[in-house]
Protein backbone atom coordinates (compact mmCIF):
# COMPACT_ATOMS: atom_id res chain seq x y z
CA MET A 1 30.18 -18.16 78.03
CA SER A 2 33.20 -20.30 79.10
CA PHE A 3 33.32 -23.88 78.32
CA ALA A 4 33.32 -24.75 82.13
CA GLU A 5 30.08 -22.41 82.53
CA LYS A 6 28.38 -24.23 79.60
CA ILE A 7 29.15 -27.68 80.94
CA ARG A 8 27.90 -26.71 84.32
CA LYS A 9 24.46 -25.29 82.97
CA SER A 10 24.14 -28.33 80.98
CA ILE A 11 24.53 -30.49 83.92
CA LEU A 12 21.87 -28.57 85.62
CA ALA A 13 19.48 -28.90 82.89
CA VAL A 14 20.09 -32.66 82.66
CA GLY A 15 19.48 -33.02 86.33
CA ASP A 16 16.46 -31.01 86.25
CA ILE A 17 15.21 -33.25 83.44
CA ILE A 18 15.88 -36.39 85.70
CA CYS A 19 14.00 -34.57 88.59
CA PHE A 20 10.93 -34.19 86.33
CA TYR A 21 10.81 -37.91 85.35
CA VAL A 22 11.52 -39.10 88.85
CA ALA A 23 8.61 -37.03 89.98
CA LEU A 24 6.40 -38.67 87.12
CA PHE A 25 7.32 -42.19 88.30
CA LEU A 26 6.80 -41.29 91.80
CA THR A 27 3.35 -39.86 91.10
CA ALA A 28 2.57 -42.88 89.13
CA ALA A 29 3.57 -45.07 92.18
CA VAL A 30 1.50 -43.12 94.40
CA ARG A 31 -1.68 -43.12 92.14
CA HIS A 32 -1.21 -46.75 91.07
CA LEU A 33 -1.37 -45.82 87.40
CA ASN A 34 -2.07 -48.79 85.15
CA PRO A 35 0.80 -49.51 82.52
CA ASP A 36 -1.32 -48.29 79.51
CA TYR A 37 -2.41 -44.98 81.45
CA PHE A 38 1.26 -44.45 82.49
CA LEU A 39 2.48 -44.74 78.90
CA ILE A 40 0.19 -42.03 77.88
CA HIS A 41 1.52 -39.85 80.72
CA ILE A 42 5.11 -40.40 79.65
CA LYS A 43 4.31 -39.29 76.07
CA LEU A 44 2.50 -36.14 76.97
CA PHE A 45 4.64 -35.12 79.98
CA SER A 46 7.85 -35.43 77.79
CA LEU A 47 6.47 -32.71 75.76
CA ILE A 48 5.52 -30.69 79.01
CA PHE A 49 8.89 -31.17 80.37
CA LEU A 50 10.75 -29.84 77.36
CA ALA A 51 8.48 -26.72 77.59
CA TRP A 52 9.40 -26.41 81.39
CA ILE A 53 13.16 -26.64 80.48
CA ILE A 54 12.67 -23.89 78.14
CA VAL A 55 10.75 -21.75 80.83
CA PHE A 56 13.74 -22.36 83.32
CA TYR A 57 16.05 -21.23 80.60
CA VAL A 58 14.23 -18.04 79.75
CA GLY A 59 13.47 -17.43 83.20
CA HIS A 60 17.21 -16.97 84.08
CA PHE A 61 16.91 -20.28 86.40
CA TYR A 62 20.38 -21.60 84.92
CA GLU A 63 22.26 -18.50 85.82
CA LEU A 64 25.00 -19.52 88.22
CA SER A 65 24.92 -16.06 90.00
CA ASN A 66 21.32 -17.17 91.33
CA PHE A 67 23.14 -19.54 93.66
CA LYS A 68 24.32 -16.81 95.94
CA GLU A 69 20.84 -16.47 97.75
CA ARG A 70 18.83 -19.53 98.49
CA LYS A 71 15.71 -17.32 99.03
CA LYS A 72 16.01 -15.95 95.50
CA ILE A 73 16.23 -19.51 94.00
CA VAL A 74 13.01 -20.67 95.76
CA ALA A 75 11.16 -17.33 95.00
CA LEU A 76 12.17 -17.82 91.34
CA LEU A 77 11.26 -21.47 91.26
CA PHE A 78 7.88 -20.52 92.58
CA ARG A 79 7.07 -18.01 90.03
CA LEU A 80 8.53 -20.34 87.05
CA GLN A 81 6.41 -23.46 88.37
CA ILE A 82 3.17 -21.21 88.17
CA ILE A 83 4.15 -20.58 84.58
CA ASN A 84 4.73 -24.29 84.00
CA ILE A 85 1.28 -25.08 85.32
CA LEU A 86 -0.41 -22.79 82.85
CA LEU A 87 1.75 -24.18 80.05
CA ALA A 88 0.74 -27.75 80.92
CA VAL A 89 -2.93 -26.81 81.09
CA VAL A 90 -2.56 -25.34 77.54
CA ILE A 91 -0.86 -28.41 76.28
CA PHE A 92 -3.59 -30.63 78.00
CA TYR A 93 -6.24 -28.42 76.16
CA LEU A 94 -4.59 -28.87 72.73
CA TYR A 95 -4.06 -32.54 73.27
CA PRO A 96 -7.15 -33.60 75.25
CA ILE A 97 -6.00 -37.23 75.67
CA ILE A 98 -5.82 -37.15 79.60
CA THR A 99 -6.83 -34.40 82.09
CA PRO A 100 -4.59 -35.30 85.11
CA LYS A 101 -5.27 -32.36 87.38
CA THR A 102 -4.17 -34.29 90.52
CA ASN A 103 -1.20 -35.97 88.83
CA LEU A 104 -0.10 -32.53 87.52
CA PHE A 105 -0.25 -31.15 91.00
CA LEU A 106 1.69 -34.05 92.57
CA ILE A 107 4.29 -33.77 89.64
CA ILE A 108 4.79 -29.84 90.26
CA VAL A 109 5.00 -30.48 94.16
CA PHE A 110 7.47 -33.59 93.72
CA SER A 111 9.51 -31.94 91.01
CA SER A 112 9.92 -28.53 92.87
CA ILE A 113 11.36 -30.44 95.83
CA PHE A 114 13.76 -32.39 93.81
CA VAL A 115 14.86 -29.54 91.78
CA LEU A 116 15.82 -27.54 95.01
CA GLY A 117 17.47 -30.41 96.37
CA TRP A 118 19.37 -30.95 93.17
CA ARG A 119 20.52 -27.37 93.28
CA LEU A 120 21.74 -27.37 96.97
CA PHE A 121 23.73 -30.66 95.82
CA PHE A 122 25.07 -29.00 92.78
CA TYR A 123 26.40 -25.92 94.87
CA TRP A 124 27.90 -28.15 97.27
CA VAL A 125 29.82 -30.19 94.74
CA PHE A 126 30.84 -27.18 92.32
CA ALA A 127 31.56 -24.70 95.15
CA SER A 128 33.60 -26.90 97.38
CA LYS A 129 34.66 -30.14 95.35
CA ILE A 130 35.10 -29.35 91.69
CA PHE A 131 36.70 -26.04 90.52
CA TYR A 132 39.41 -24.51 88.61
CA ARG A 133 42.35 -23.37 90.60
CA VAL A 134 43.25 -19.70 89.52
CA LEU A 135 46.64 -17.65 89.78
CA LEU A 136 46.29 -13.85 89.13
CA ILE A 137 49.39 -11.99 88.11
CA GLY A 138 49.00 -8.25 88.27
CA SER A 139 47.85 -5.13 90.11
CA SER A 140 45.29 -3.62 87.82
CA ASN A 141 41.80 -2.74 89.00
CA GLU A 142 40.35 -5.24 86.73
CA ILE A 143 42.42 -7.99 88.72
CA LYS A 144 40.94 -6.75 92.00
CA GLU A 145 37.46 -6.79 90.75
CA ILE A 146 38.09 -10.38 89.21
CA GLU A 147 39.39 -11.48 92.79
CA LYS A 148 36.68 -10.06 94.83
CA PHE A 149 33.86 -11.51 92.26
CA LEU A 150 35.39 -15.03 92.19
CA ILE A 151 35.68 -15.00 96.00
CA GLN A 152 31.90 -14.11 96.34
CA SER A 153 30.85 -16.63 93.79
CA PRO A 154 32.34 -20.03 94.36
CA GLN A 155 29.57 -21.61 92.31
CA ILE A 156 31.07 -20.08 89.01
CA GLY A 157 33.61 -22.79 89.59
CA PHE A 158 36.77 -20.90 90.06
CA ARG A 159 38.92 -20.65 93.05
CA ILE A 160 41.52 -17.88 93.75
CA ILE A 161 44.83 -19.69 94.92
CA LYS A 162 47.31 -16.72 94.78
CA VAL A 163 47.57 -13.29 93.51
CA LEU A 164 50.98 -11.85 92.39
CA ASP A 165 50.78 -8.09 92.22
CA ASN A 166 54.18 -7.39 91.28
CA THR A 167 55.33 -8.82 88.00
CA GLU A 168 58.85 -7.37 88.21
CA SER A 169 59.94 -9.27 91.25
CA ILE A 170 58.43 -12.70 90.13
CA LYS A 171 61.07 -15.46 90.04
CA LEU A 172 60.33 -18.09 87.24
CA GLN A 173 61.42 -20.92 89.50
CA TYR A 174 58.94 -19.73 92.06
CA LEU A 175 56.13 -19.43 89.71
CA GLU A 176 56.89 -22.99 88.32
CA ASP A 177 56.85 -24.48 91.85
CA LEU A 178 53.68 -22.60 92.74
CA ILE A 179 51.88 -23.80 89.84
CA ASN A 180 52.90 -27.37 90.09
CA GLN A 181 52.46 -27.54 93.88
CA GLU A 182 49.04 -25.95 93.69
CA ASN A 183 47.87 -27.74 90.75
CA ILE A 184 46.91 -24.32 89.12
CA ARG A 185 44.85 -24.61 86.01
CA VAL A 186 44.00 -20.96 85.08
CA ILE A 187 46.56 -18.24 84.92
CA VAL A 188 45.38 -14.50 84.36
CA VAL A 189 48.01 -11.89 83.62
CA ASP A 190 47.87 -8.02 83.27
CA ASP A 191 49.04 -7.00 79.66
CA LEU A 192 49.93 -10.59 78.46
CA ILE A 193 51.35 -9.47 75.32
CA GLN A 194 53.85 -7.03 76.87
CA GLN A 195 55.08 -9.41 79.52
CA ASN A 196 58.46 -10.24 77.92
CA LYS A 197 59.87 -11.74 81.03
CA LEU A 198 57.00 -14.38 81.43
CA LYS A 199 56.20 -14.82 77.70
CA GLY A 200 58.51 -17.86 77.19
CA PHE A 201 57.37 -19.56 80.44
CA LEU A 202 53.68 -19.00 79.70
CA LEU A 203 54.16 -20.39 76.35
CA LYS A 204 55.75 -23.64 78.13
CA GLU A 205 52.68 -23.83 80.48
CA ILE A 206 50.43 -23.92 77.60
CA PHE A 207 51.91 -27.51 76.71
CA GLU A 208 51.07 -28.46 80.24
CA GLU A 209 47.33 -27.79 79.37
CA LYS A 210 47.26 -24.50 81.59
CA GLU A 211 44.75 -22.05 80.38
CA ILE A 212 46.44 -18.62 79.88
CA TYR A 213 44.37 -15.64 79.81
CA ASP A 214 44.97 -11.65 79.56
CA THR A 215 43.08 -9.75 82.07
CA ALA A 216 40.70 -8.16 79.52
CA GLU A 217 39.85 -11.56 78.17
CA PHE A 218 39.17 -13.32 81.57
CA TYR A 219 37.29 -10.13 82.65
CA GLU A 220 35.08 -10.50 79.63
CA LEU A 221 34.58 -14.12 80.21
CA ILE A 222 33.31 -13.91 83.77
CA PHE A 223 31.55 -10.51 83.67
CA LYS A 224 30.17 -10.62 80.16
CA CYS A 225 31.39 -7.25 79.30
CA VAL A 226 34.58 -5.56 77.96
CA PRO A 227 36.51 -3.26 80.40
CA LEU A 228 37.02 0.08 78.85
CA SER A 229 40.26 0.59 80.33
CA PHE A 230 41.66 -2.02 77.79
CA VAL A 231 39.84 -0.64 74.75
CA ASP A 232 41.21 1.50 72.02
CA GLU A 233 41.14 1.49 68.46
CA ASN A 234 44.08 -1.28 68.34
CA TRP A 235 41.82 -3.28 70.42
CA PHE A 236 39.05 -3.19 67.67
CA LEU A 237 41.48 -4.18 65.05
CA ARG A 238 42.80 -7.09 67.00
CA TYR A 239 39.47 -8.54 67.94
CA PHE A 240 36.69 -7.37 65.77
CA GLY A 241 35.62 -9.49 62.71
CA LEU A 242 31.87 -8.25 62.60
CA TYR A 243 31.68 -7.99 58.86
CA ARG A 244 33.33 -11.43 58.10
CA HIS A 245 29.75 -12.85 58.82
CA LYS A 246 27.72 -10.90 56.39
CA ILE A 247 25.35 -13.61 55.88
CA ASN A 248 24.40 -13.42 59.61
CA LEU A 249 23.72 -9.69 59.19
CA LEU A 250 21.56 -10.26 56.13
CA ILE A 251 19.54 -12.97 57.95
CA LYS A 252 19.10 -10.62 60.98
CA ASN A 253 17.85 -7.77 58.75
CA ILE A 254 15.27 -10.21 57.03
CA LEU A 255 13.96 -11.36 60.31
CA ASP A 256 13.86 -7.86 61.68
CA PHE A 257 11.59 -6.76 58.81
CA VAL A 258 9.40 -9.79 58.89
CA PHE A 259 8.67 -9.76 62.86
CA ALA A 260 8.47 -5.93 62.96
CA THR A 261 5.66 -6.23 60.35
CA ILE A 262 3.95 -9.02 62.36
CA LEU A 263 4.17 -7.25 65.56
CA LEU A 264 3.11 -3.89 64.20
CA ILE A 265 -0.09 -5.36 62.82
CA ILE A 266 -0.96 -7.30 66.14
CA SER A 267 -0.19 -4.05 68.27
CA LEU A 268 -2.35 -1.53 66.20
CA PRO A 269 -5.57 -2.38 67.76
CA PHE A 270 -4.00 -1.30 71.31
CA TRP A 271 -2.73 2.24 69.69
CA PRO A 272 -6.01 4.01 70.13
CA LEU A 273 -6.31 2.97 73.85
CA ILE A 274 -2.64 4.37 74.29
CA ILE A 275 -3.45 7.52 72.49
CA LEU A 276 -6.47 8.26 74.33
CA ALA A 277 -4.84 7.59 77.79
CA ILE A 278 -2.02 9.98 76.74
CA LYS A 279 -4.32 12.82 75.60
CA ILE A 280 -6.49 12.38 78.91
CA ASN A 281 -3.64 12.36 81.11
CA SER A 282 -1.73 15.44 79.78
CA LYS A 283 -1.55 18.23 77.06
CA GLY A 284 1.00 17.67 74.40
CA PRO A 285 1.66 15.73 71.29
CA ILE A 286 0.85 11.78 71.00
CA PHE A 287 4.34 10.96 69.90
CA TYR A 288 7.80 11.92 70.84
CA SER A 289 10.58 12.09 68.53
CA SER A 290 14.16 12.97 68.70
CA TRP A 291 17.41 12.70 66.72
CA ARG A 292 19.51 9.60 67.64
CA VAL A 293 22.66 8.19 66.31
CA GLY A 294 22.25 5.04 64.02
CA GLN A 295 24.44 2.72 62.30
CA ASN A 296 27.84 4.29 60.79
CA GLY A 297 26.93 7.44 62.72
CA LYS A 298 23.79 8.35 60.45
CA LEU A 299 21.32 10.39 62.46
CA PHE A 300 17.44 9.32 62.44
CA LYS A 301 14.40 10.33 64.15
CA ILE A 302 13.11 7.76 66.87
CA LEU A 303 9.48 7.39 67.41
CA LYS A 304 7.80 6.66 70.90
CA PHE A 305 4.55 7.48 72.55
CA ARG A 306 5.04 10.45 74.79
CA SER A 307 5.65 9.40 78.32
CA MET A 308 6.68 12.90 79.67
CA TYR A 309 5.01 16.28 79.97
CA ALA A 310 5.63 18.30 76.82
CA ILE A 311 8.50 20.65 77.16
CA HIS A 312 8.93 23.46 74.90
CA ASN A 313 12.70 23.90 75.52
CA GLN A 314 13.73 20.51 73.85
CA LYS A 315 17.36 20.94 75.18
CA SER A 316 16.13 20.58 78.69
CA ASN A 317 14.79 17.35 77.77
CA SER A 318 18.00 15.97 76.55
CA ARG A 319 19.40 14.60 79.72
CA TRP A 320 19.44 11.08 81.36
CA SER A 321 16.31 9.94 83.05
CA LYS A 322 16.26 8.87 86.68
CA GLU A 323 13.89 7.00 89.00
CA GLY A 324 11.00 9.10 90.28
CA ASP A 325 11.82 11.72 87.47
CA GLU A 326 9.37 14.31 87.75
CA ARG A 327 8.95 14.99 83.86
CA ILE A 328 7.22 11.43 83.53
CA THR A 329 3.41 11.49 83.54
CA LYS A 330 1.41 8.65 85.23
CA VAL A 331 0.45 7.14 82.08
CA GLY A 332 4.13 7.68 80.89
CA SER A 333 5.21 5.62 83.94
CA PHE A 334 2.93 2.76 83.13
CA LEU A 335 4.07 2.76 79.40
CA ARG A 336 7.79 2.85 80.38
CA ARG A 337 7.46 -0.07 82.94
CA THR A 338 5.68 -2.27 80.21
CA HIS A 339 7.75 -0.62 77.31
CA LEU A 340 4.55 0.05 75.50
CA ASP A 341 5.88 3.38 74.79
CA GLU A 342 8.35 1.80 72.32
CA LEU A 343 5.87 0.25 70.01
CA PRO A 344 6.19 2.93 67.42
CA GLN A 345 9.89 1.86 66.94
CA PHE A 346 8.66 -1.04 64.89
CA ILE A 347 8.42 1.77 62.26
CA ASN A 348 11.93 2.48 62.73
CA ILE A 349 12.89 -1.04 62.18
CA LEU A 350 10.75 -1.31 59.14
CA LYS A 351 12.45 1.74 57.65
CA GLY A 352 15.94 -0.04 58.40
CA GLU A 353 17.09 2.37 60.99
CA MET A 354 16.80 -0.09 63.93
CA SER A 355 17.07 -3.69 64.82
CA PHE A 356 15.23 -5.79 67.48
CA VAL A 357 18.50 -6.39 69.17
CA GLY A 358 21.48 -4.05 69.42
CA PRO A 359 22.88 -1.09 71.51
CA ARG A 360 20.12 1.38 72.49
CA PRO A 361 19.91 4.26 70.19
CA ILE A 362 21.41 7.43 72.05
CA GLU A 363 20.71 11.13 71.55
CA LYS A 364 23.14 13.07 69.71
CA GLU A 365 23.97 15.53 72.63
CA LEU A 366 24.74 12.67 74.92
CA PHE A 367 26.66 10.79 72.16
CA ASP A 368 28.81 13.58 71.72
CA LEU A 369 29.50 13.72 75.59
CA CYS A 370 30.54 10.00 75.75
CA VAL A 371 32.83 10.46 72.68
CA ALA A 372 34.34 13.30 74.41
CA ARG A 373 35.17 11.25 77.25
CA LYS A 374 35.99 8.13 75.40
CA PRO A 375 36.86 8.49 71.79
CA VAL A 376 36.22 4.90 70.82
CA TYR A 377 32.61 5.35 71.91
CA TYR A 378 31.61 6.10 68.26
CA LEU A 379 32.42 2.38 67.32
CA ARG A 380 29.25 1.20 68.94
CA ASN A 381 27.82 2.50 65.75
CA LEU A 382 29.21 -0.60 63.70
CA ILE A 383 25.89 -2.23 64.11
CA LYS A 384 22.18 -0.89 64.04
CA PRO A 385 20.79 0.34 67.42
CA GLY A 386 18.07 -2.03 68.89
CA LEU A 387 14.97 -2.28 70.74
CA ALA A 388 16.39 -4.71 73.27
CA GLY A 389 20.17 -5.16 74.11
CA TRP A 390 22.53 -6.92 76.47
CA ALA A 391 23.40 -3.61 78.11
CA GLN A 392 19.72 -3.12 79.06
CA LEU A 393 19.57 -6.66 80.60
CA ASN A 394 22.69 -6.30 82.69
CA TYR A 395 22.74 -2.73 83.78
CA HIS A 396 20.16 -0.37 85.15
CA TYR A 397 19.16 3.11 83.34
CA ALA A 398 22.03 5.34 82.52
CA ALA A 399 21.58 8.28 85.03
CA CYS A 400 24.89 9.97 84.44
CA LEU A 401 27.78 9.76 81.82
CA GLU A 402 29.55 7.11 83.85
CA ASP A 403 26.72 4.88 83.61
CA GLU A 404 26.41 5.46 80.01
CA LEU A 405 30.02 4.44 79.50
CA LYS A 406 29.54 1.42 81.78
CA LYS A 407 26.78 0.32 79.46
CA PHE A 408 28.97 0.66 76.58
CA GLU A 409 31.22 -2.11 78.03
CA TYR A 410 28.09 -4.53 77.61
CA ASP A 411 27.39 -3.08 74.09
CA LEU A 412 31.03 -4.04 73.05
CA TYR A 413 30.55 -7.60 74.43
CA TYR A 414 27.41 -7.88 72.24
CA ILE A 415 28.92 -6.58 69.15
CA ARG A 416 32.24 -8.83 69.62
CA ASN A 417 29.90 -12.00 70.28
CA HIS A 418 27.13 -11.14 67.97
CA SER A 419 25.21 -14.15 66.53
CA PHE A 420 21.86 -15.46 65.79
CA TRP A 421 21.74 -17.56 69.05
CA PHE A 422 23.01 -14.60 71.08
CA ASP A 423 19.99 -12.58 69.78
CA LEU A 424 17.45 -15.09 70.42
CA ALA A 425 18.80 -15.49 74.06
CA ILE A 426 18.44 -11.71 74.58
CA VAL A 427 15.02 -11.61 73.19
CA ALA A 428 14.01 -14.46 75.41
CA ARG A 429 15.48 -12.89 78.62
CA THR A 430 13.75 -9.44 77.61
CA ILE A 431 10.43 -11.26 77.27
CA LYS A 432 11.01 -12.61 80.80
CA VAL A 433 11.75 -9.27 82.16
CA LEU A 434 8.64 -7.74 80.49
CA PHE A 435 6.46 -10.52 82.09
CA ASN A 436 8.06 -9.78 85.52
């Protein structure tokens, strides 16, 4: 996440908090609350407002890409406010100091109106008034993707001023005049390190407080994935410092073990029901297992509740799934939608073969196909595969080799930016997807 994006999301959150308190004060005025009763409201609703902000964050309400469609914002706010009502009811039950049913309803209505108005104002300000002016230099496909995305997403806070696609014909004086006259703040350049002609000029621009990016770096910044066309073993050596943070990996392993144990115990009462449903729906084993590629290339057997019809020829089952796949049973379809088929993978986590967050474990045959197409694919094995992952949140099910390699771009982003907080954000967003 860029600094500019963090600032925008923080401003959104602060604005939402103000909207909540304005709604509370307006409700107090409408309902003529006496000072003592209002003071109780402020204390209790401050706790509720904190919970609501967390719901907004987990519910993806602070993603700037949502601003493209107003209907989507309204629908998302409606769903999240229903959750907020339920949370408020729970808090009132736990702290039965007051039971303000009418007041809660008014605060929900007023805050929804204010939050929507705040977002319209935010979009108007940051899409048309406050933005970074961007110069793109190069002709790569990634430059074209960046140009298209920024034109379609003004709420991100970047505006394309000029694209110079022929670096050989660029005159430095023209470039300097363009940057000064157009007040350009961000410069994105193809093959930045190899630009001998522009290198000295760009170094000088750094002293003018310009932000200079290589195309791959800026692409990663706005798309939250790493373009494979820029990735080779040298890229890994230049950018990866995964094992410099061994304490983080140790904490991750401990938390994986603790939470896998707790969730396995909690889920066990549901296993007999799932097993019974599988046996009634179709013939075959209860569990499905197959060899997957784990950390450092070590093979392990993944466990799942069977969601497909039993197939004697295992090789015919080793291909990508697709929407409406005829191999999936009715019970299996439900298990997949709810991800209940993956409950046995808590055992894989306890055995140290998987983590809660990481690249999805891939079958050996499909892994070999990906390595044959893109040799650096094997480097996704630097960390343990996971139940949830950045690629799953940002890209649909892989239905072909190209899809799998596209998901690898998101896996690379996760591996490079791995942290406890990033893991927590992925888990939170995964929970939100499950509830949807």
